[in-house]
Amino acid sequence: MGTRRSPLPWTPLVIAEERCKGCELCVAACPKRVLALDHGHVNVLGYHPVSLTEAARCTSCAFCARVCPDAVFTVWAAPREERSQ
């Protein structure tokens, strides 16, 4: 059984754009206001998916994942060396 790791380069969120229906519940729930719909892109379902606008400001609080009805978020905590700074 392998350990799952966040993709490199590190990002606090991985968003499964192909499942996002653009409901904006996550946008409203984000305390740092770093999520927004990508109006320049339409996914395979015909919706504008959510995107992370400022990764450096994301705290990995997972509020977005908690409210998402389609489970599009994978949330990663910052690597230990980045958290201590």
C-alpha atoms as a PDB file:
ATOM      1  CA  MET A   1       0.000   0.000   0.000  1.00  0.00           C
ATOM      2  CA  GLY A   2       1.729   3.212  -1.184  1.00  0.00           C
ATOM      3  CA  THR A   3       1.512   6.622   0.374  1.00  0.00           C
ATOM      4  CA  ARG A   4      -0.455   9.158  -1.658  1.00  0.00           C
ATOM      5  CA  ARG A   5       1.388  12.410  -2.192  1.00  0.00           C
ATOM      6  CA  SER A   6       0.313  15.706  -3.634  1.00  0.00           C
ATOM      7  CA  PRO A   7       1.408  16.411  -7.190  1.00  0.00           C
ATOM      8  CA  LEU A   8       4.662  18.253  -7.811  1.00  0.00           C
ATOM      9  CA  PRO A   9       4.969  21.185  -7.787  1.00  0.00           C
ATOM     10  CA  TRP A  10       3.004  21.305  -4.561  1.00  0.00           C
ATOM     11  CA  THR A  11      -0.518  22.714  -4.642  1.00  0.00           C
ATOM     12  CA  PRO A  12      -3.045  22.873  -1.787  1.00  0.00           C
ATOM     13  CA  LEU A  13      -5.950  21.700  -3.963  1.00  0.00           C
ATOM     14  CA  VAL A  14      -6.429  19.294  -6.809  1.00  0.00           C
ATOM     15  CA  ILE A  15      -9.705  20.011  -8.578  1.00  0.00           C
ATOM     16  CA  ALA A  16     -11.432  17.370 -10.707  1.00  0.00           C
ATOM     17  CA  GLU A  17     -12.684  19.902 -13.253  1.00  0.00           C
ATOM     18  CA  GLU A  18     -14.487  17.272 -15.300  1.00  0.00           C
ATOM     19  CA  ARG A  19     -16.956  16.646 -12.432  1.00  0.00           C
ATOM     20  CA  CYS A  20     -17.555  20.286 -11.412  1.00  0.00           C
ATOM     21  CA  LYS A  21     -21.054  21.639 -12.130  1.00  0.00           C
ATOM     22  CA  GLY A  22     -20.206  25.252 -11.304  1.00  0.00           C
ATOM     23  CA  CYS A  23     -22.641  25.548  -8.384  1.00  0.00           C
ATOM     24  CA  GLU A  24     -20.304  28.006  -6.586  1.00  0.00           C
ATOM     25  CA  LEU A  25     -20.984  26.559  -3.111  1.00  0.00           C
ATOM     26  CA  CYS A  26     -17.230  26.243  -2.647  1.00  0.00           C
ATOM     27  CA  VAL A  27     -16.657  29.829  -3.783  1.00  0.00           C
ATOM     28  CA  ALA A  28     -19.067  31.065  -1.110  1.00  0.00           C
ATOM     29  CA  ALA A  29     -17.539  28.796   1.563  1.00  0.00           C
ATOM     30  CA  CYS A  30     -13.903  29.796   0.982  1.00  0.00           C
ATOM     31  CA  PRO A  31     -12.773  32.112   3.818  1.00  0.00           C
ATOM     32  CA  LYS A  32      -9.741  33.337   1.825  1.00  0.00           C
ATOM     33  CA  ARG A  33     -11.743  33.955  -1.388  1.00  0.00           C
ATOM     34  CA  VAL A  34      -9.265  32.082  -3.573  1.00  0.00           C
ATOM     35  CA  LEU A  35     -11.792  30.090  -5.616  1.00  0.00           C
ATOM     36  CA  ALA A  36     -13.656  31.350  -8.671  1.00  0.00           C
ATOM     37  CA  LEU A  37     -15.427  29.957 -11.697  1.00  0.00           C
ATOM     38  CA  ASP A  38     -13.239  29.773 -14.791  1.00  0.00           C
ATOM     39  CA  HIS A  39     -15.396  31.651 -17.298  1.00  0.00           C
ATOM     40  CA  GLY A  40     -12.824  31.042 -20.025  1.00  0.00           C
ATOM     41  CA  HIS A  41     -13.238  27.259 -19.906  1.00  0.00           C
ATOM     42  CA  VAL A  42     -16.156  24.828 -20.238  1.00  0.00           C
ATOM     43  CA  ASN A  43     -15.785  21.249 -18.989  1.00  0.00           C
ATOM     44  CA  VAL A  44     -17.168  18.074 -20.588  1.00  0.00           C
ATOM     45  CA  LEU A  45     -20.445  18.527 -18.679  1.00  0.00           C
ATOM     46  CA  GLY A  46     -20.926  21.973 -20.213  1.00  0.00           C
ATOM     47  CA  TYR A  47     -20.220  23.984 -17.045  1.00  0.00           C
ATOM     48  CA  HIS A  48     -17.621  26.563 -16.091  1.00  0.00           C
ATOM     49  CA  PRO A  49     -15.542  24.685 -13.488  1.00  0.00           C
ATOM     50  CA  VAL A  50     -14.086  26.207 -10.352  1.00  0.00           C
ATOM     51  CA  SER A  51     -10.402  27.087 -10.234  1.00  0.00           C
ATOM     52  CA  LEU A  52      -7.905  28.058  -7.565  1.00  0.00           C
ATOM     53  CA  THR A  53      -6.939  31.683  -8.202  1.00  0.00           C
ATOM     54  CA  GLU A  54      -4.213  32.190  -5.566  1.00  0.00           C
ATOM     55  CA  ALA A  55      -2.639  28.961  -4.348  1.00  0.00           C
ATOM     56  CA  ALA A  56      -0.289  30.764  -1.946  1.00  0.00           C
ATOM     57  CA  ARG A  57      -3.237  32.185   0.023  1.00  0.00           C
ATOM     58  CA  CYS A  58      -5.056  28.827   0.355  1.00  0.00           C
ATOM     59  CA  THR A  59      -4.789  27.430   3.905  1.00  0.00           C
ATOM     60  CA  SER A  60      -6.035  23.902   3.068  1.00  0.00           C
ATOM     61  CA  CYS A  61      -8.998  24.425   5.429  1.00  0.00           C
ATOM     62  CA  ALA A  62     -11.117  22.045   3.294  1.00  0.00           C
ATOM     63  CA  PHE A  63     -14.326  24.092   3.606  1.00  0.00           C
ATOM     64  CA  CYS A  64     -14.628  23.815  -0.174  1.00  0.00           C
ATOM     65  CA  ALA A  65     -14.452  20.025  -0.039  1.00  0.00           C
ATOM     66  CA  ARG A  66     -17.001  19.845   2.769  1.00  0.00           C
ATOM     67  CA  VAL A  67     -19.691  21.736   0.844  1.00  0.00           C
ATOM     68  CA  CYS A  68     -19.041  20.300  -2.628  1.00  0.00           C
ATOM     69  CA  PRO A  69     -21.895  17.988  -3.678  1.00  0.00           C
ATOM     70  CA  ASP A  70     -19.764  16.420  -6.412  1.00  0.00           C
ATOM     71  CA  ALA A  71     -16.560  15.748  -4.416  1.00  0.00           C
ATOM     72  CA  VAL A  72     -14.290  17.527  -6.878  1.00  0.00           C
ATOM     73  CA  PHE A  73     -11.608  18.550  -4.351  1.00  0.00           C
ATOM     74  CA  THR A  74      -8.578  16.739  -3.007  1.00  0.00           C
ATOM     75  CA  VAL A  75      -7.063  18.912  -0.268  1.00  0.00           C
ATOM     76  CA  TRP A  76      -3.409  18.702   0.689  1.00  0.00           C
ATOM     77  CA  ALA A  77      -1.738  20.204   3.752  1.00  0.00           C
ATOM     78  CA  ALA A  78       1.440  22.166   3.132  1.00  0.00           C
ATOM     79  CA  PRO A  79       4.663  20.174   3.432  1.00  0.00           C
ATOM     80  CA  ARG A  80       6.178  20.499   6.901  1.00  0.00           C
ATOM     81  CA  GLU A  81       9.043  22.733   5.769  1.00  0.00           C
ATOM     82  CA  GLU A  82       6.558  25.201   4.208  1.00  0.00           C
ATOM     83  CA  ARG A  83       4.227  25.208   7.246  1.00  0.00           C
ATOM     84  CA  SER A  84       7.013  26.251   9.631  1.00  0.00           C
ATOM     85  CA  GLN A  85       7.897  29.421   7.697  1.00  0.00           C
END
